[in-house]
Amino acid sequence: PQAVEGARRSPAWEDMKKIAHTLCYD
């Protein structure tokens, strides 16, 4: 949980959300 929360607070979070649909590709 602490790593996931760290990801949410990171500057890269918004960029990760933009390509969330590609997680289904992976």
mmCIF file of all heavy atoms, coordinates in Angstrom:
data_MODEL
# 
_entry.id   MODEL 
# 
loop_
_atom_site.group_PDB 
_atom_site.id 
_atom_site.type_symbol 
_atom_site.label_atom_id 
_atom_site.label_alt_id 
_atom_site.label_comp_id 
_atom_site.label_asym_id 
_atom_site.label_entity_id 
_atom_site.label_seq_id 
_atom_site.pdbx_PDB_ins_code 
_atom_site.Cartn_x 
_atom_site.Cartn_y 
_atom_site.Cartn_z 
_atom_site.occupancy 
_atom_site.B_iso_or_equiv 
_atom_site.pdbx_formal_charge 
_atom_site.auth_seq_id 
_atom_site.auth_comp_id 
_atom_site.auth_asym_id 
_atom_site.auth_atom_id 
_atom_site.pdbx_PDB_model_num 
ATOM 1   N N   . PRO A 1 1  ? 0.803  -1.233 0.000   1.00 0.00 ? 1  PRO A N   1 
ATOM 2   C CA  . PRO A 1 1  ? 0.000  0.000  0.000   1.00 0.00 ? 1  PRO A CA  1 
ATOM 3   C C   . PRO A 1 1  ? 0.832  1.277  0.000   1.00 0.00 ? 1  PRO A C   1 
ATOM 4   O O   . PRO A 1 1  ? 0.486  2.252  -0.669  1.00 0.00 ? 1  PRO A O   1 
ATOM 5   C CB  . PRO A 1 1  ? -0.822 -0.124 1.282   1.00 0.00 ? 1  PRO A CB  1 
ATOM 6   C CG  . PRO A 1 1  ? -0.931 -1.597 1.510   1.00 0.00 ? 1  PRO A CG  1 
ATOM 7   C CD  . PRO A 1 1  ? 0.371  -2.174 1.048   1.00 0.00 ? 1  PRO A CD  1 
ATOM 8   N N   . GLN A 1 2  ? 1.943  1.284  0.728   1.00 0.00 ? 2  GLN A N   1 
ATOM 9   C CA  . GLN A 1 2  ? 2.749  2.499  0.788   1.00 0.00 ? 2  GLN A CA  1 
ATOM 10  C C   . GLN A 1 2  ? 3.377  2.825  -0.568  1.00 0.00 ? 2  GLN A C   1 
ATOM 11  O O   . GLN A 1 2  ? 3.546  4.000  -0.929  1.00 0.00 ? 2  GLN A O   1 
ATOM 12  C CB  . GLN A 1 2  ? 3.827  2.413  1.876   1.00 0.00 ? 2  GLN A CB  1 
ATOM 13  C CG  . GLN A 1 2  ? 4.839  1.284  1.703   1.00 0.00 ? 2  GLN A CG  1 
ATOM 14  C CD  . GLN A 1 2  ? 4.429  0.008  2.389   1.00 0.00 ? 2  GLN A CD  1 
ATOM 15  O OE1 . GLN A 1 2  ? 3.239  -0.274 2.535   1.00 0.00 ? 2  GLN A OE1 1 
ATOM 16  N NE2 . GLN A 1 2  ? 5.422  -0.781 2.829   1.00 0.00 ? 2  GLN A NE2 1 
ATOM 17  N N   . ALA A 1 3  ? 3.717  1.784  -1.345  1.00 0.00 ? 3  ALA A N   1 
ATOM 18  C CA  . ALA A 1 3  ? 4.283  2.017  -2.675  1.00 0.00 ? 3  ALA A CA  1 
ATOM 19  C C   . ALA A 1 3  ? 3.228  2.553  -3.632  1.00 0.00 ? 3  ALA A C   1 
ATOM 20  O O   . ALA A 1 3  ? 3.503  3.431  -4.454  1.00 0.00 ? 3  ALA A O   1 
ATOM 21  C CB  . ALA A 1 3  ? 4.892  0.732  -3.216  1.00 0.00 ? 3  ALA A CB  1 
ATOM 22  N N   . VAL A 1 4  ? 2.013  2.029  -3.532  1.00 0.00 ? 4  VAL A N   1 
ATOM 23  C CA  . VAL A 1 4  ? 0.924  2.512  -4.381  1.00 0.00 ? 4  VAL A CA  1 
ATOM 24  C C   . VAL A 1 4  ? 0.609  3.962  -4.037  1.00 0.00 ? 4  VAL A C   1 
ATOM 25  O O   . VAL A 1 4  ? 0.405  4.796  -4.924  1.00 0.00 ? 4  VAL A O   1 
ATOM 26  C CB  . VAL A 1 4  ? -0.326 1.633  -4.217  1.00 0.00 ? 4  VAL A CB  1 
ATOM 27  C CG1 . VAL A 1 4  ? -1.484 2.190  -5.042  1.00 0.00 ? 4  VAL A CG1 1 
ATOM 28  C CG2 . VAL A 1 4  ? -0.017 0.194  -4.620  1.00 0.00 ? 4  VAL A CG2 1 
ATOM 29  N N   . GLU A 1 5  ? 0.570  4.279  -2.737  1.00 0.00 ? 5  GLU A N   1 
ATOM 30  C CA  . GLU A 1 5  ? 0.309  5.660  -2.324  1.00 0.00 ? 5  GLU A CA  1 
ATOM 31  C C   . GLU A 1 5  ? 1.426  6.584  -2.800  1.00 0.00 ? 5  GLU A C   1 
ATOM 32  O O   . GLU A 1 5  ? 1.180  7.721  -3.215  1.00 0.00 ? 5  GLU A O   1 
ATOM 33  C CB  . GLU A 1 5  ? 0.179  5.734  -0.806  1.00 0.00 ? 5  GLU A CB  1 
ATOM 34  C CG  . GLU A 1 5  ? -0.171 7.120  -0.272  1.00 0.00 ? 5  GLU A CG  1 
ATOM 35  C CD  . GLU A 1 5  ? -1.483 7.663  -0.824  1.00 0.00 ? 5  GLU A CD  1 
ATOM 36  O OE1 . GLU A 1 5  ? -2.376 6.862  -1.161  1.00 0.00 ? 5  GLU A OE1 1 
ATOM 37  O OE2 . GLU A 1 5  ? -1.600 8.908  -0.919  1.00 0.00 ? 5  GLU A OE2 1 
ATOM 38  N N   . GLY A 1 6  ? 2.670  6.080  -2.776  1.00 0.00 ? 6  GLY A N   1 
ATOM 39  C CA  . GLY A 1 6  ? 3.784  6.879  -3.288  1.00 0.00 ? 6  GLY A CA  1 
ATOM 40  C C   . GLY A 1 6  ? 3.627  7.163  -4.769  1.00 0.00 ? 6  GLY A C   1 
ATOM 41  O O   . GLY A 1 6  ? 3.935  8.278  -5.235  1.00 0.00 ? 6  GLY A O   1 
ATOM 42  N N   . ALA A 1 7  ? 3.138  6.188  -5.517  1.00 0.00 ? 7  ALA A N   1 
ATOM 43  C CA  . ALA A 1 7  ? 2.893  6.388  -6.941  1.00 0.00 ? 7  ALA A CA  1 
ATOM 44  C C   . ALA A 1 7  ? 1.817  7.450  -7.155  1.00 0.00 ? 7  ALA A C   1 
ATOM 45  O O   . ALA A 1 7  ? 1.925  8.303  -8.043  1.00 0.00 ? 7  ALA A O   1 
ATOM 46  C CB  . ALA A 1 7  ? 2.484  5.079  -7.596  1.00 0.00 ? 7  ALA A CB  1 
ATOM 47  N N   . ARG A 1 8  ? 0.763  7.394  -6.352  1.00 0.00 ? 8  ARG A N   1 
ATOM 48  C CA  . ARG A 1 8  ? -0.322 8.378  -6.470  1.00 0.00 ? 8  ARG A CA  1 
ATOM 49  C C   . ARG A 1 8  ? 0.166  9.803  -6.227  1.00 0.00 ? 8  ARG A C   1 
ATOM 50  O O   . ARG A 1 8  ? -0.356 10.750 -6.809  1.00 0.00 ? 8  ARG A O   1 
ATOM 51  C CB  . ARG A 1 8  ? -1.436 8.049  -5.468  1.00 0.00 ? 8  ARG A CB  1 
ATOM 52  C CG  . ARG A 1 8  ? -2.393 6.951  -5.927  1.00 0.00 ? 8  ARG A CG  1 
ATOM 53  C CD  . ARG A 1 8  ? -3.508 6.779  -4.914  1.00 0.00 ? 8  ARG A CD  1 
ATOM 54  N NE  . ARG A 1 8  ? -4.592 5.957  -5.432  1.00 0.00 ? 8  ARG A NE  1 
ATOM 55  C CZ  . ARG A 1 8  ? -5.618 6.426  -6.141  1.00 0.00 ? 8  ARG A CZ  1 
ATOM 56  N NH1 . ARG A 1 8  ? -5.693 7.712  -6.415  1.00 0.00 ? 8  ARG A NH1 1 
ATOM 57  N NH2 . ARG A 1 8  ? -6.556 5.606  -6.567  1.00 0.00 ? 8  ARG A NH2 1 
ATOM 58  N N   . ARG A 1 9  ? 1.154  9.951  -5.371  1.00 0.00 ? 9  ARG A N   1 
ATOM 59  C CA  . ARG A 1 9  ? 1.655  11.286 -5.025  1.00 0.00 ? 9  ARG A CA  1 
ATOM 60  C C   . ARG A 1 9  ? 2.802  11.734 -5.924  1.00 0.00 ? 9  ARG A C   1 
ATOM 61  O O   . ARG A 1 9  ? 3.280  12.865 -5.808  1.00 0.00 ? 9  ARG A O   1 
ATOM 62  C CB  . ARG A 1 9  ? 2.118  11.298 -3.567  1.00 0.00 ? 9  ARG A CB  1 
ATOM 63  C CG  . ARG A 1 9  ? 0.991  11.087 -2.573  1.00 0.00 ? 9  ARG A CG  1 
ATOM 64  C CD  . ARG A 1 9  ? 1.508  11.136 -1.142  1.00 0.00 ? 9  ARG A CD  1 
ATOM 65  N NE  . ARG A 1 9  ? 0.444  10.956 -0.178  1.00 0.00 ? 9  ARG A NE  1 
ATOM 66  C CZ  . ARG A 1 9  ? 0.595  10.988 1.136   1.00 0.00 ? 9  ARG A CZ  1 
ATOM 67  N NH1 . ARG A 1 9  ? 1.815  11.205 1.649   1.00 0.00 ? 9  ARG A NH1 1 
ATOM 68  N NH2 . ARG A 1 9  ? -0.433 10.816 1.958   1.00 0.00 ? 9  ARG A NH2 1 
ATOM 69  N N   . SER A 1 10 ? 3.236  10.868 -6.823  1.00 0.00 ? 10 SER A N   1 
ATOM 70  C CA  . SER A 1 10 ? 4.391  11.198 -7.652  1.00 0.00 ? 10 SER A CA  1 
ATOM 71  C C   . SER A 1 10 ? 3.994  12.102 -8.809  1.00 0.00 ? 10 SER A C   1 
ATOM 72  O O   . SER A 1 10 ? 2.831  12.125 -9.237  1.00 0.00 ? 10 SER A O   1 
ATOM 73  C CB  . SER A 1 10 ? 5.033  9.921  -8.207  1.00 0.00 ? 10 SER A CB  1 
ATOM 74  O OG  . SER A 1 10 ? 4.233  9.390  -9.255  1.00 0.00 ? 10 SER A OG  1 
ATOM 75  N N   . PRO A 1 11 ? 4.958  12.860 -9.349  1.00 0.00 ? 11 PRO A N   1 
ATOM 76  C CA  . PRO A 1 11 ? 4.673  13.721 -10.503 1.00 0.00 ? 11 PRO A CA  1 
ATOM 77  C C   . PRO A 1 11 ? 4.228  12.935 -11.735 1.00 0.00 ? 11 PRO A C   1 
ATOM 78  O O   . PRO A 1 11 ? 3.600  13.496 -12.639 1.00 0.00 ? 11 PRO A O   1 
ATOM 79  C CB  . PRO A 1 11 ? 6.016  14.418 -10.753 1.00 0.00 ? 11 PRO A CB  1 
ATOM 80  C CG  . PRO A 1 11 ? 6.766  14.313 -9.467  1.00 0.00 ? 11 PRO A CG  1 
ATOM 81  C CD  . PRO A 1 11 ? 6.333  13.033 -8.854  1.00 0.00 ? 11 PRO A CD  1 
ATOM 82  N N   . ALA A 1 12 ? 4.535  11.636 -11.776 1.00 0.00 ? 12 ALA A N   1 
ATOM 83  C CA  . ALA A 1 12 ? 4.193  10.819 -12.944 1.00 0.00 ? 12 ALA A CA  1 
ATOM 84  C C   . ALA A 1 12 ? 2.760  10.293 -12.910 1.00 0.00 ? 12 ALA A C   1 
ATOM 85  O O   . ALA A 1 12 ? 2.313  9.679  -13.891 1.00 0.00 ? 12 ALA A O   1 
ATOM 86  C CB  . ALA A 1 12 ? 5.167  9.643  -13.049 1.00 0.00 ? 12 ALA A CB  1 
ATOM 87  N N   . TRP A 1 13 ? 2.030  10.540 -11.814 1.00 0.00 ? 13 TRP A N   1 
ATOM 88  C CA  . TRP A 1 13 ? 0.722  9.933  -11.654 1.00 0.00 ? 13 TRP A CA  1 
ATOM 89  C C   . TRP A 1 13 ? -0.252 10.310 -12.778 1.00 0.00 ? 13 TRP A C   1 
ATOM 90  O O   . TRP A 1 13 ? -0.937 9.451  -13.338 1.00 0.00 ? 13 TRP A O   1 
ATOM 91  C CB  . TRP A 1 13 ? 0.127  10.299 -10.302 1.00 0.00 ? 13 TRP A CB  1 
ATOM 92  C CG  . TRP A 1 13 ? -1.221 9.686  -10.044 1.00 0.00 ? 13 TRP A CG  1 
ATOM 93  C CD1 . TRP A 1 13 ? -2.419 10.306 -9.963  1.00 0.00 ? 13 TRP A CD1 1 
ATOM 94  C CD2 . TRP A 1 13 ? -1.491 8.297  -9.827  1.00 0.00 ? 13 TRP A CD2 1 
ATOM 95  N NE1 . TRP A 1 13 ? -3.427 9.414  -9.719  1.00 0.00 ? 13 TRP A NE1 1 
ATOM 96  C CE2 . TRP A 1 13 ? -2.880 8.166  -9.629  1.00 0.00 ? 13 TRP A CE2 1 
ATOM 97  C CE3 . TRP A 1 13 ? -0.692 7.151  -9.784  1.00 0.00 ? 13 TRP A CE3 1 
ATOM 98  C CZ2 . TRP A 1 13 ? -3.491 6.936  -9.392  1.00 0.00 ? 13 TRP A CZ2 1 
ATOM 99  C CZ3 . TRP A 1 13 ? -1.300 5.926  -9.550  1.00 0.00 ? 13 TRP A CZ3 1 
ATOM 100 C CH2 . TRP A 1 13 ? -2.674 5.824  -9.362  1.00 0.00 ? 13 TRP A CH2 1 
ATOM 101 N N   . GLU A 1 14 ? -0.317 11.583 -13.115 1.00 0.00 ? 14 GLU A N   1 
ATOM 102 C CA  . GLU A 1 14 ? -1.248 12.010 -14.162 1.00 0.00 ? 14 GLU A CA  1 
ATOM 103 C C   . GLU A 1 14 ? -0.900 11.385 -15.507 1.00 0.00 ? 14 GLU A C   1 
ATOM 104 O O   . GLU A 1 14 ? -1.793 11.024 -16.283 1.00 0.00 ? 14 GLU A O   1 
ATOM 105 C CB  . GLU A 1 14 ? -1.266 13.539 -14.269 1.00 0.00 ? 14 GLU A CB  1 
ATOM 106 C CG  . GLU A 1 14 ? -1.913 14.235 -13.080 1.00 0.00 ? 14 GLU A CG  1 
ATOM 107 C CD  . GLU A 1 14 ? -3.354 13.776 -12.846 1.00 0.00 ? 14 GLU A CD  1 
ATOM 108 O OE1 . GLU A 1 14 ? -4.108 13.685 -13.837 1.00 0.00 ? 14 GLU A OE1 1 
ATOM 109 O OE2 . GLU A 1 14 ? -3.708 13.508 -11.685 1.00 0.00 ? 14 GLU A OE2 1 
ATOM 110 N N   . ASP A 1 15 ? 0.394  11.233 -15.776 1.00 0.00 ? 15 ASP A N   1 
ATOM 111 C CA  . ASP A 1 15 ? 0.799  10.586 -17.027 1.00 0.00 ? 15 ASP A CA  1 
ATOM 112 C C   . ASP A 1 15 ? 0.427  9.105  -17.023 1.00 0.00 ? 15 ASP A C   1 
ATOM 113 O O   . ASP A 1 15 ? 0.031  8.558  -18.063 1.00 0.00 ? 15 ASP A O   1 
ATOM 114 C CB  . ASP A 1 15 ? 2.311  10.736 -17.244 1.00 0.00 ? 15 ASP A CB  1 
ATOM 115 C CG  . ASP A 1 15 ? 2.707  12.170 -17.564 1.00 0.00 ? 15 ASP A CG  1 
ATOM 116 O OD1 . ASP A 1 15 ? 1.866  12.910 -18.125 1.00 0.00 ? 15 ASP A OD1 1 
ATOM 117 O OD2 . ASP A 1 15 ? 3.848  12.545 -17.260 1.00 0.00 ? 15 ASP A OD2 1 
ATOM 118 N N   . MET A 1 16 ? 0.541  8.461  -15.876 1.00 0.00 ? 16 MET A N   1 
ATOM 119 C CA  . MET A 1 16 ? 0.145  7.058  -15.793 1.00 0.00 ? 16 MET A CA  1 
ATOM 120 C C   . MET A 1 16 ? -1.351 6.907  -16.028 1.00 0.00 ? 16 MET A C   1 
ATOM 121 O O   . MET A 1 16 ? -1.798 5.978  -16.718 1.00 0.00 ? 16 MET A O   1 
ATOM 122 C CB  . MET A 1 16 ? 0.552  6.462  -14.434 1.00 0.00 ? 16 MET A CB  1 
ATOM 123 C CG  . MET A 1 16 ? 2.049  6.221  -14.294 1.00 0.00 ? 16 MET A CG  1 
ATOM 124 S SD  . MET A 1 16 ? 2.471  5.226  -12.834 1.00 0.00 ? 16 MET A SD  1 
ATOM 125 C CE  . MET A 1 16 ? 2.375  6.470  -11.556 1.00 0.00 ? 16 MET A CE  1 
ATOM 126 N N   . LYS A 1 17 ? -2.144 7.810  -15.486 1.00 0.00 ? 17 LYS A N   1 
ATOM 127 C CA  . LYS A 1 17 ? -3.590 7.746  -15.677 1.00 0.00 ? 17 LYS A CA  1 
ATOM 128 C C   . LYS A 1 17 ? -3.964 7.886  -17.156 1.00 0.00 ? 17 LYS A C   1 
ATOM 129 O O   . LYS A 1 17 ? -4.908 7.241  -17.625 1.00 0.00 ? 17 LYS A O   1 
ATOM 130 C CB  . LYS A 1 17 ? -4.281 8.831  -14.855 1.00 0.00 ? 17 LYS A CB  1 
ATOM 131 C CG  . LYS A 1 17 ? -4.317 8.547  -13.367 1.00 0.00 ? 17 LYS A CG  1 
ATOM 132 C CD  . LYS A 1 17 ? -4.738 9.769  -12.553 1.00 0.00 ? 17 LYS A CD  1 
ATOM 133 C CE  . LYS A 1 17 ? -6.095 10.310 -12.941 1.00 0.00 ? 17 LYS A CE  1 
ATOM 134 N NZ  . LYS A 1 17 ? -6.494 11.459 -12.094 1.00 0.00 ? 17 LYS A NZ  1 
ATOM 135 N N   . LYS A 1 18 ? -3.225 8.706  -17.886 1.00 0.00 ? 18 LYS A N   1 
ATOM 136 C CA  . LYS A 1 18 ? -3.532 8.917  -19.307 1.00 0.00 ? 18 LYS A CA  1 
ATOM 137 C C   . LYS A 1 18 ? -3.437 7.629  -20.110 1.00 0.00 ? 18 LYS A C   1 
ATOM 138 O O   . LYS A 1 18 ? -4.133 7.480  -21.114 1.00 0.00 ? 18 LYS A O   1 
ATOM 139 C CB  . LYS A 1 18 ? -2.583 9.972  -19.893 1.00 0.00 ? 18 LYS A CB  1 
ATOM 140 C CG  . LYS A 1 18 ? -2.830 11.387 -19.415 1.00 0.00 ? 18 LYS A CG  1 
ATOM 141 C CD  . LYS A 1 18 ? -1.799 12.343 -20.016 1.00 0.00 ? 18 LYS A CD  1 
ATOM 142 C CE  . LYS A 1 18 ? -1.980 13.750 -19.472 1.00 0.00 ? 18 LYS A CE  1 
ATOM 143 N NZ  . LYS A 1 18 ? -0.913 14.668 -19.980 1.00 0.00 ? 18 LYS A NZ  1 
ATOM 144 N N   . ILE A 1 19 ? -2.552 6.733  -19.710 1.00 0.00 ? 19 ILE A N   1 
ATOM 145 C CA  . ILE A 1 19 ? -2.371 5.497  -20.484 1.00 0.00 ? 19 ILE A CA  1 
ATOM 146 C C   . ILE A 1 19 ? -2.866 4.281  -19.711 1.00 0.00 ? 19 ILE A C   1 
ATOM 147 O O   . ILE A 1 19 ? -2.459 3.157  -19.986 1.00 0.00 ? 19 ILE A O   1 
ATOM 148 C CB  . ILE A 1 19 ? -0.901 5.317  -20.917 1.00 0.00 ? 19 ILE A CB  1 
ATOM 149 C CG1 . ILE A 1 19 ? 0.047  5.273  -19.707 1.00 0.00 ? 19 ILE A CG1 1 
ATOM 150 C CG2 . ILE A 1 19 ? -0.484 6.423  -21.887 1.00 0.00 ? 19 ILE A CG2 1 
ATOM 151 C CD1 . ILE A 1 19 ? 1.480  4.923  -20.078 1.00 0.00 ? 19 ILE A CD1 1 
ATOM 152 N N   . ALA A 1 20 ? -3.790 4.503  -18.777 1.00 0.00 ? 20 ALA A N   1 
ATOM 153 C CA  . ALA A 1 20 ? -4.310 3.395  -17.964 1.00 0.00 ? 20 ALA A CA  1 
ATOM 154 C C   . ALA A 1 20 ? -4.961 2.316  -18.826 1.00 0.00 ? 20 ALA A C   1 
ATOM 155 O O   . ALA A 1 20 ? -4.902 1.126  -18.494 1.00 0.00 ? 20 ALA A O   1 
ATOM 156 C CB  . ALA A 1 20 ? -5.315 3.928  -16.941 1.00 0.00 ? 20 ALA A CB  1 
ATOM 157 N N   . HIS A 1 21 ? -5.569 2.729  -19.947 1.00 0.00 ? 21 HIS A N   1 
ATOM 158 C CA  . HIS A 1 21 ? -6.231 1.739  -20.803 1.00 0.00 ? 21 HIS A CA  1 
ATOM 159 C C   . HIS A 1 21 ? -5.253 0.717  -21.372 1.00 0.00 ? 21 HIS A C   1 
ATOM 160 O O   . HIS A 1 21 ? -5.637 -0.415 -21.684 1.00 0.00 ? 21 HIS A O   1 
ATOM 161 C CB  . HIS A 1 21 ? -6.969 2.445  -21.945 1.00 0.00 ? 21 HIS A CB  1 
ATOM 162 C CG  . HIS A 1 21 ? -6.081 3.246  -22.836 1.00 0.00 ? 21 HIS A CG  1 
ATOM 163 N ND1 . HIS A 1 21 ? -5.512 4.447  -22.429 1.00 0.00 ? 21 HIS A ND1 1 
ATOM 164 C CD2 . HIS A 1 21 ? -5.639 3.029  -24.097 1.00 0.00 ? 21 HIS A CD2 1 
ATOM 165 C CE1 . HIS A 1 21 ? -4.778 4.933  -23.408 1.00 0.00 ? 21 HIS A CE1 1 
ATOM 166 N NE2 . HIS A 1 21 ? -4.834 4.088  -24.431 1.00 0.00 ? 21 HIS A NE2 1 
ATOM 167 N N   . THR A 1 22 ? -3.981 1.094  -21.493 1.00 0.00 ? 22 THR A N   1 
ATOM 168 C CA  . THR A 1 22 ? -3.005 0.162  -22.065 1.00 0.00 ? 22 THR A CA  1 
ATOM 169 C C   . THR A 1 22 ? -2.619 -0.943 -21.078 1.00 0.00 ? 22 THR A C   1 
ATOM 170 O O   . THR A 1 22 ? -1.971 -1.915 -21.476 1.00 0.00 ? 22 THR A O   1 
ATOM 171 C CB  . THR A 1 22 ? -1.734 0.895  -22.540 1.00 0.00 ? 22 THR A CB  1 
ATOM 172 O OG1 . THR A 1 22 ? -1.045 1.458  -21.423 1.00 0.00 ? 22 THR A OG1 1 
ATOM 173 C CG2 . THR A 1 22 ? -2.083 1.985  -23.544 1.00 0.00 ? 22 THR A CG2 1 
ATOM 174 N N   . LEU A 1 23 ? -3.021 -0.815 -19.822 1.00 0.00 ? 23 LEU A N   1 
ATOM 175 C CA  . LEU A 1 23 ? -2.781 -1.898 -18.878 1.00 0.00 ? 23 LEU A CA  1 
ATOM 176 C C   . LEU A 1 23 ? -3.531 -3.158 -19.307 1.00 0.00 ? 23 LEU A C   1 
ATOM 177 O O   . LEU A 1 23 ? -3.068 -4.279 -19.064 1.00 0.00 ? 23 LEU A O   1 
ATOM 178 C CB  . LEU A 1 23 ? -3.210 -1.482 -17.471 1.00 0.00 ? 23 LEU A CB  1 
ATOM 179 C CG  . LEU A 1 23 ? -2.368 -0.368 -16.841 1.00 0.00 ? 23 LEU A CG  1 
ATOM 180 C CD1 . LEU A 1 23 ? -2.996 0.096  -15.534 1.00 0.00 ? 23 LEU A CD1 1 
ATOM 181 C CD2 . LEU A 1 23 ? -0.931 -0.829 -16.621 1.00 0.00 ? 23 LEU A CD2 1 
ATOM 182 N N   . CYS A 1 24 ? -4.667 -2.974 -19.952 1.00 0.00 ? 24 CYS A N   1 
ATOM 183 C CA  . CYS A 1 24 ? -5.398 -4.122 -20.490 1.00 0.00 ? 24 CYS A CA  1 
ATOM 184 C C   . CYS A 1 24 ? -4.608 -4.780 -21.619 1.00 0.00 ? 24 CYS A C   1 
ATOM 185 O O   . CYS A 1 24 ? -4.713 -5.996 -21.838 1.00 0.00 ? 24 CYS A O   1 
ATOM 186 C CB  . CYS A 1 24 ? -6.770 -3.694 -20.983 1.00 0.00 ? 24 CYS A CB  1 
ATOM 187 S SG  . CYS A 1 24 ? -7.865 -3.095 -19.667 1.00 0.00 ? 24 CYS A SG  1 
ATOM 188 N N   . TYR A 1 25 ? -3.811 -3.990 -22.343 1.00 0.00 ? 25 TYR A N   1 
ATOM 189 C CA  . TYR A 1 25 ? -2.965 -4.560 -23.390 1.00 0.00 ? 25 TYR A CA  1 
ATOM 190 C C   . TYR A 1 25 ? -1.871 -5.425 -22.769 1.00 0.00 ? 25 TYR A C   1 
ATOM 191 O O   . TYR A 1 25 ? -1.564 -6.515 -23.271 1.00 0.00 ? 25 TYR A O   1 
ATOM 192 C CB  . TYR A 1 25 ? -2.322 -3.450 -24.224 1.00 0.00 ? 25 TYR A CB  1 
ATOM 193 C CG  . TYR A 1 25 ? -3.275 -2.490 -24.901 1.00 0.00 ? 25 TYR A CG  1 
ATOM 194 C CD1 . TYR A 1 25 ? -2.791 -1.365 -25.558 1.00 0.00 ? 25 TYR A CD1 1 
ATOM 195 C CD2 . TYR A 1 25 ? -4.651 -2.685 -24.885 1.00 0.00 ? 25 TYR A CD2 1 
ATOM 196 C CE1 . TYR A 1 25 ? -3.646 -0.482 -26.195 1.00 0.00 ? 25 TYR A CE1 1 
ATOM 197 C CE2 . TYR A 1 25 ? -5.510 -1.806 -25.517 1.00 0.00 ? 25 TYR A CE2 1 
ATOM 198 C CZ  . TYR A 1 25 ? -5.000 -0.688 -26.163 1.00 0.00 ? 25 TYR A CZ  1 
ATOM 199 O OH  . TYR A 1 25 ? -5.851 0.181  -26.783 1.00 0.00 ? 25 TYR A OH  1 
ATOM 200 N N   . ASP A 1 26 ? -1.304 -4.932 -21.674 1.00 0.00 ? 26 ASP A N   1 
ATOM 201 C CA  . ASP A 1 26 ? -0.235 -5.691 -21.019 1.00 0.00 ? 26 ASP A CA  1 
ATOM 202 C C   . ASP A 1 26 ? -0.760 -7.009 -20.450 1.00 0.00 ? 26 ASP A C   1 
ATOM 203 O O   . ASP A 1 26 ? -0.091 -8.044 -20.547 1.00 0.00 ? 26 ASP A O   1 
ATOM 204 C CB  . ASP A 1 26 ? 0.410  -4.852 -19.912 1.00 0.00 ? 26 ASP A CB  1 
ATOM 205 C CG  . ASP A 1 26 ? 1.309  -3.766 -20.468 1.00 0.00 ? 26 ASP A CG  1 
ATOM 206 O OD1 . ASP A 1 26 ? 2.368  -4.094 -21.008 1.00 0.00 ? 26 ASP A OD1 1 
ATOM 207 O OD2 . ASP A 1 26 ? 0.940  -2.581 -20.370 1.00 0.00 ? 26 ASP A OD2 1 
# 
